[in-house]
Amino acid sequence: QLDFYNFDTLCTSIIADSTAKEVRIDNKNDDIIHLAFGKSEYPTWDDYLNFLEERCIPRNRMGINTYLDAIGVDEYNPLDIIMKTEGRMAEDHQWLRVKQLCP
């Protein structure tokens, strides 16, 4: 389970099942600009994977391996990166909290 925030306001709770490749969300407000999947209430697994990658440094960024080493991640895996960075980006005030991660 991940919670998506704008500043300190919880905007979307996300439950993702990697075995079934299913995603459920609970939007906490009506401001589609700050919701994890915008106006989509039923994101697909691909939508979820794309969302995670959008909250990370681009995989083709020059010096990506140096960056991954610096944050302690062995390879480019968006969820691993988010666990280290909370999905924070310089361009906005949105971030993710990983609430629960099952093996």
C-alpha atoms as a PDB file:
ATOM      1  CA  GLN A   1       0.000   0.000   0.000  1.00  0.00           C
ATOM      2  CA  LEU A   2       1.210   3.464  -0.907  1.00  0.00           C
ATOM      3  CA  ASP A   3      -0.216   6.824   0.085  1.00  0.00           C
ATOM      4  CA  PHE A   4       0.158   9.735  -2.346  1.00  0.00           C
ATOM      5  CA  TYR A   5       0.413  13.199  -0.813  1.00  0.00           C
ATOM      6  CA  ASN A   6       0.454  16.792  -1.970  1.00  0.00           C
ATOM      7  CA  PHE A   7       2.382  18.657   0.724  1.00  0.00           C
ATOM      8  CA  ASP A   8       0.921  17.048   3.881  1.00  0.00           C
ATOM      9  CA  THR A   9      -2.499  16.309   2.398  1.00  0.00           C
ATOM     10  CA  LEU A  10      -3.278  12.672   1.633  1.00  0.00           C
ATOM     11  CA  CYS A  11      -4.728  12.616  -1.881  1.00  0.00           C
ATOM     12  CA  THR A  12      -4.830   8.949  -2.928  1.00  0.00           C
ATOM     13  CA  SER A  13      -4.339   5.612  -1.188  1.00  0.00           C
ATOM     14  CA  ILE A  14      -3.093   2.933  -3.568  1.00  0.00           C
ATOM     15  CA  ILE A  15      -3.259  -0.811  -3.011  1.00  0.00           C
ATOM     16  CA  ALA A  16      -1.289  -2.776  -5.588  1.00  0.00           C
ATOM     17  CA  ASP A  17      -1.165  -6.555  -5.828  1.00  0.00           C
ATOM     18  CA  SER A  18       1.873  -7.547  -7.878  1.00  0.00           C
ATOM     19  CA  THR A  19       0.834 -11.207  -7.992  1.00  0.00           C
ATOM     20  CA  ALA A  20      -2.592 -10.509  -9.511  1.00  0.00           C
ATOM     21  CA  LYS A  21      -1.344  -7.326 -11.225  1.00  0.00           C
ATOM     22  CA  GLU A  22      -4.308  -5.390  -9.869  1.00  0.00           C
ATOM     23  CA  VAL A  23      -4.568  -1.874  -8.495  1.00  0.00           C
ATOM     24  CA  ARG A  24      -7.249  -0.324  -6.321  1.00  0.00           C
ATOM     25  CA  ILE A  25      -7.325   3.293  -5.278  1.00  0.00           C
ATOM     26  CA  ASP A  26      -9.173   5.440  -2.796  1.00  0.00           C
ATOM     27  CA  ASN A  27      -9.132   9.101  -3.768  1.00  0.00           C
ATOM     28  CA  LYS A  28      -9.380  11.321  -0.711  1.00  0.00           C
ATOM     29  CA  ASN A  29     -10.516  14.509  -2.503  1.00  0.00           C
ATOM     30  CA  ASP A  30     -11.936  15.773  -5.790  1.00  0.00           C
ATOM     31  CA  ASP A  31      -8.939  17.803  -6.990  1.00  0.00           C
ATOM     32  CA  ILE A  32      -7.879  15.725 -10.028  1.00  0.00           C
ATOM     33  CA  ILE A  33      -4.648  17.721 -10.347  1.00  0.00           C
ATOM     34  CA  HIS A  34      -3.415  16.193  -7.087  1.00  0.00           C
ATOM     35  CA  LEU A  35      -4.780  12.669  -7.454  1.00  0.00           C
ATOM     36  CA  ALA A  36      -2.348   9.888  -8.302  1.00  0.00           C
ATOM     37  CA  PHE A  37      -4.215   8.848 -11.444  1.00  0.00           C
ATOM     38  CA  GLY A  38      -6.091  12.058 -12.233  1.00  0.00           C
ATOM     39  CA  LYS A  39      -9.697  11.420 -13.183  1.00  0.00           C
ATOM     40  CA  SER A  40      -9.149   7.676 -13.669  1.00  0.00           C
ATOM     41  CA  GLU A  41     -10.882   5.783 -10.874  1.00  0.00           C
ATOM     42  CA  TYR A  42      -9.835   2.341 -12.157  1.00  0.00           C
ATOM     43  CA  PRO A  43      -6.158   2.418 -13.104  1.00  0.00           C
ATOM     44  CA  THR A  44      -4.652  -0.583 -14.833  1.00  0.00           C
ATOM     45  CA  TRP A  45      -1.466  -2.332 -13.768  1.00  0.00           C
ATOM     46  CA  ASP A  46       0.372  -0.518 -16.579  1.00  0.00           C
ATOM     47  CA  ASP A  47      -1.021   2.804 -15.310  1.00  0.00           C
ATOM     48  CA  TYR A  48       0.383   1.956 -11.888  1.00  0.00           C
ATOM     49  CA  LEU A  49       3.828   1.028 -13.249  1.00  0.00           C
ATOM     50  CA  ASN A  50       3.920   4.221 -15.326  1.00  0.00           C
ATOM     51  CA  PHE A  51       2.895   6.275 -12.287  1.00  0.00           C
ATOM     52  CA  LEU A  52       5.731   4.802 -10.221  1.00  0.00           C
ATOM     53  CA  GLU A  53       8.274   5.502 -12.935  1.00  0.00           C
ATOM     54  CA  GLU A  54       7.021   9.087 -13.308  1.00  0.00           C
ATOM     55  CA  ARG A  55       7.878   9.627  -9.613  1.00  0.00           C
ATOM     56  CA  CYS A  56      11.505   8.606 -10.234  1.00  0.00           C
ATOM     57  CA  ILE A  57      14.562  10.003 -11.946  1.00  0.00           C
ATOM     58  CA  PRO A  58      14.413   8.991 -15.640  1.00  0.00           C
ATOM     59  CA  ARG A  59      16.027   5.611 -16.282  1.00  0.00           C
ATOM     60  CA  ASN A  60      18.037   7.020 -19.210  1.00  0.00           C
ATOM     61  CA  ARG A  61      19.413  10.001 -17.247  1.00  0.00           C
ATOM     62  CA  MET A  62      23.148  10.496 -17.642  1.00  0.00           C
ATOM     63  CA  GLY A  63      24.909   9.252 -14.500  1.00  0.00           C
ATOM     64  CA  ILE A  64      21.954   7.085 -13.424  1.00  0.00           C
ATOM     65  CA  ASN A  65      24.226   4.383 -11.992  1.00  0.00           C
ATOM     66  CA  THR A  66      26.030   6.926  -9.819  1.00  0.00           C
ATOM     67  CA  TYR A  67      22.659   8.176  -8.572  1.00  0.00           C
ATOM     68  CA  LEU A  68      21.449   4.649  -7.815  1.00  0.00           C
ATOM     69  CA  ASP A  69      24.673   3.926  -5.909  1.00  0.00           C
ATOM     70  CA  ALA A  70      24.256   7.151  -3.925  1.00  0.00           C
ATOM     71  CA  ILE A  71      20.753   6.215  -2.753  1.00  0.00           C
ATOM     72  CA  GLY A  72      21.678   2.578  -2.138  1.00  0.00           C
ATOM     73  CA  VAL A  73      19.696   0.890  -4.918  1.00  0.00           C
ATOM     74  CA  ASP A  74      21.323  -1.908  -6.935  1.00  0.00           C
ATOM     75  CA  GLU A  75      19.342  -1.508 -10.152  1.00  0.00           C
ATOM     76  CA  TYR A  76      16.665   0.704 -11.664  1.00  0.00           C
ATOM     77  CA  ASN A  77      13.483  -0.425  -9.937  1.00  0.00           C
ATOM     78  CA  PRO A  78      10.903   2.347  -9.443  1.00  0.00           C
ATOM     79  CA  LEU A  79       9.457   0.921  -6.225  1.00  0.00           C
ATOM     80  CA  ASP A  80      12.934   0.520  -4.690  1.00  0.00           C
ATOM     81  CA  ILE A  81      13.781   4.088  -5.691  1.00  0.00           C
ATOM     82  CA  ILE A  82      10.519   5.396  -4.204  1.00  0.00           C
ATOM     83  CA  MET A  83      11.233   3.594  -0.953  1.00  0.00           C
ATOM     84  CA  LYS A  84      14.467   5.620  -0.737  1.00  0.00           C
ATOM     85  CA  THR A  85      13.266   8.970  -2.149  1.00  0.00           C
ATOM     86  CA  GLU A  86       9.528   8.930  -1.331  1.00  0.00           C
ATOM     87  CA  GLY A  87       8.997   9.721  -5.015  1.00  0.00           C
ATOM     88  CA  ARG A  88       9.860  13.363  -4.382  1.00  0.00           C
ATOM     89  CA  MET A  89      10.518  15.465  -7.463  1.00  0.00           C
ATOM     90  CA  ALA A  90      11.972  18.968  -7.715  1.00  0.00           C
ATOM     91  CA  GLU A  91       9.041  20.092  -9.879  1.00  0.00           C
ATOM     92  CA  ASP A  92       6.208  19.583  -7.371  1.00  0.00           C
ATOM     93  CA  HIS A  93       5.236  19.005  -3.745  1.00  0.00           C
ATOM     94  CA  GLN A  94       3.866  15.509  -4.202  1.00  0.00           C
ATOM     95  CA  TRP A  95       5.365  12.423  -2.600  1.00  0.00           C
ATOM     96  CA  LEU A  96       4.618   8.826  -1.658  1.00  0.00           C
ATOM     97  CA  ARG A  97       4.698   6.958   1.614  1.00  0.00           C
ATOM     98  CA  VAL A  98       5.073   3.198   1.358  1.00  0.00           C
ATOM     99  CA  LYS A  99       2.785   1.970   4.123  1.00  0.00           C
ATOM    100  CA  GLN A 100       3.030  -1.749   3.595  1.00  0.00           C
ATOM    101  CA  LEU A 101       5.165  -3.953   1.406  1.00  0.00           C
ATOM    102  CA  CYS A 102       4.616  -7.694   1.334  1.00  0.00           C
ATOM    103  CA  PRO A 103       7.165 -10.120  -0.156  1.00  0.00           C
END
